[in-house]
C-alpha atoms as a PDB file:
ATOM      1  CA  MET A   1     -24.212  18.153   6.891  1.00  0.00           C
ATOM      2  CA  THR A   2     -23.132  19.558   3.517  1.00  0.00           C
ATOM      3  CA  GLU A   3     -19.483  20.434   3.111  1.00  0.00           C
ATOM      4  CA  THR A   4     -16.899  21.020   0.402  1.00  0.00           C
ATOM      5  CA  ARG A   5     -13.633  19.106   0.425  1.00  0.00           C
ATOM      6  CA  LYS A   6     -10.686  19.411  -1.971  1.00  0.00           C
ATOM      7  CA  LEU A   7      -9.139  16.103  -3.047  1.00  0.00           C
ATOM      8  CA  GLN A   8      -6.294  15.104  -5.320  1.00  0.00           C
ATOM      9  CA  LEU A   9      -6.915  11.962  -7.349  1.00  0.00           C
ATOM     10  CA  HIS A  10      -4.153   9.953  -9.021  1.00  0.00           C
ATOM     11  CA  TYR A  11      -5.378   7.691 -11.820  1.00  0.00           C
ATOM     12  CA  PRO A  12      -3.411   4.620 -12.856  1.00  0.00           C
ATOM     13  CA  LEU A  13      -3.419   3.975 -16.589  1.00  0.00           C
ATOM     14  CA  ALA A  14      -5.815   1.027 -16.210  1.00  0.00           C
ATOM     15  CA  ARG A  15      -8.515   3.296 -14.712  1.00  0.00           C
ATOM     16  CA  LEU A  16      -8.291   6.238 -17.102  1.00  0.00           C
ATOM     17  CA  THR A  17     -11.328   5.216 -19.151  1.00  0.00           C
ATOM     18  CA  GLU A  18     -13.579   4.636 -16.115  1.00  0.00           C
ATOM     19  CA  PRO A  19     -16.368   7.231 -15.613  1.00  0.00           C
ATOM     20  CA  VAL A  20     -15.268   8.083 -12.060  1.00  0.00           C
ATOM     21  CA  ILE A  21     -16.613  11.640 -11.985  1.00  0.00           C
ATOM     22  CA  THR A  22     -19.978  10.525 -13.373  1.00  0.00           C
ATOM     23  CA  ARG A  23     -20.264   7.929 -10.613  1.00  0.00           C
ATOM     24  CA  LEU A  24     -19.497  10.540  -7.959  1.00  0.00           C
ATOM     25  CA  VAL A  25     -22.614  12.384  -9.144  1.00  0.00           C
ATOM     26  CA  THR A  26     -24.940   9.437  -9.805  1.00  0.00           C
ATOM     27  CA  GLU A  27     -24.010   7.069  -6.969  1.00  0.00           C
ATOM     28  CA  PHE A  28     -22.819   9.405  -4.212  1.00  0.00           C
ATOM     29  CA  ASP A  29     -24.919  12.528  -4.933  1.00  0.00           C
ATOM     30  CA  LEU A  30     -21.837  14.762  -4.980  1.00  0.00           C
ATOM     31  CA  GLU A  31     -21.167  17.927  -6.946  1.00  0.00           C
ATOM     32  CA  PRO A  32     -17.603  17.904  -8.327  1.00  0.00           C
ATOM     33  CA  ASN A  33     -15.755  21.063  -9.317  1.00  0.00           C
ATOM     34  CA  LEU A  34     -12.669  20.150 -11.347  1.00  0.00           C
ATOM     35  CA  LEU A  35      -9.908  22.625 -10.505  1.00  0.00           C
ATOM     36  CA  ARG A  36      -6.975  21.232 -12.482  1.00  0.00           C
ATOM     37  CA  ALA A  37      -5.840  18.031 -14.091  1.00  0.00           C
ATOM     38  CA  ASP A  38      -3.039  16.448 -16.073  1.00  0.00           C
ATOM     39  CA  VAL A  39      -4.040  13.282 -17.891  1.00  0.00           C
ATOM     40  CA  ASP A  40      -1.939  11.292 -20.346  1.00  0.00           C
ATOM     41  CA  ALA A  41      -3.352   8.371 -22.326  1.00  0.00           C
ATOM     42  CA  HIS A  42      -0.043   6.490 -21.970  1.00  0.00           C
ATOM     43  CA  THR A  43       0.828   6.987 -18.303  1.00  0.00           C
ATOM     44  CA  GLY A  44      -2.329   7.874 -16.324  1.00  0.00           C
ATOM     45  CA  GLY A  45      -2.822  11.181 -14.600  1.00  0.00           C
ATOM     46  CA  TRP A  46      -4.035  13.255 -11.701  1.00  0.00           C
ATOM     47  CA  MET A  47      -6.865  15.645 -10.923  1.00  0.00           C
ATOM     48  CA  VAL A  48      -7.651  18.150  -8.185  1.00  0.00           C
ATOM     49  CA  THR A  49     -11.358  18.468  -7.494  1.00  0.00           C
ATOM     50  CA  GLU A  50     -13.630  20.009  -4.910  1.00  0.00           C
ATOM     51  CA  LEU A  51     -16.452  17.704  -3.869  1.00  0.00           C
ATOM     52  CA  THR A  52     -19.570  19.198  -2.327  1.00  0.00           C
ATOM     53  CA  GLY A  53     -22.136  17.041  -0.566  1.00  0.00           C
ATOM     54  CA  GLU A  54     -22.860  15.202   2.643  1.00  0.00           C
ATOM     55  CA  SER A  55     -19.735  14.436   4.665  1.00  0.00           C
ATOM     56  CA  THR A  56     -20.510  10.710   4.739  1.00  0.00           C
ATOM     57  CA  SER A  57     -21.031  10.695   0.958  1.00  0.00           C
ATOM     58  CA  ILE A  58     -17.613  12.269   0.411  1.00  0.00           C
ATOM     59  CA  ASP A  59     -16.026   9.703   2.758  1.00  0.00           C
ATOM     60  CA  ASN A  60     -17.811   6.828   1.011  1.00  0.00           C
ATOM     61  CA  ALA A  61     -16.830   8.133  -2.427  1.00  0.00           C
ATOM     62  CA  ALA A  62     -13.172   8.437  -1.381  1.00  0.00           C
ATOM     63  CA  GLU A  63     -13.199   4.848  -0.129  1.00  0.00           C
ATOM     64  CA  TRP A  64     -14.869   3.656  -3.332  1.00  0.00           C
ATOM     65  CA  MET A  65     -12.258   5.454  -5.484  1.00  0.00           C
ATOM     66  CA  ARG A  66      -9.468   3.840  -3.454  1.00  0.00           C
ATOM     67  CA  SER A  67     -11.096   0.442  -3.956  1.00  0.00           C
ATOM     68  CA  GLN A  68     -11.004   1.155  -7.722  1.00  0.00           C
ATOM     69  CA  GLY A  69      -7.229   1.686  -7.650  1.00  0.00           C
ATOM     70  CA  LEU A  70      -7.104   5.489  -7.449  1.00  0.00           C
ATOM     71  CA  THR A  71      -4.917   7.258  -4.908  1.00  0.00           C
ATOM     72  CA  VAL A  72      -6.979   9.833  -3.005  1.00  0.00           C
ATOM     73  CA  THR A  73      -5.419  12.509  -0.787  1.00  0.00           C
ATOM     74  CA  GLU A  74      -6.566  15.792   0.711  1.00  0.00           C
ATOM     75  CA  ALA A  75      -5.359  18.672  -1.458  1.00  0.00           C
END
């Protein structure tokens, strides 16, 4: 079933250059809507995004992001 979920992502500095949003589209078939973000090249950053797609895809993407060192919480 398709749903939309709002998540807050916290990026550690080491992961800032990773194409996380691109992988959400290409590997998990999700449609991200970036709502707000604050990213600093010296400290890392955060982003609030809505993800639309299959519920299991959103769950799998959240687990993958956590495995990559991002902190993922419901916004």
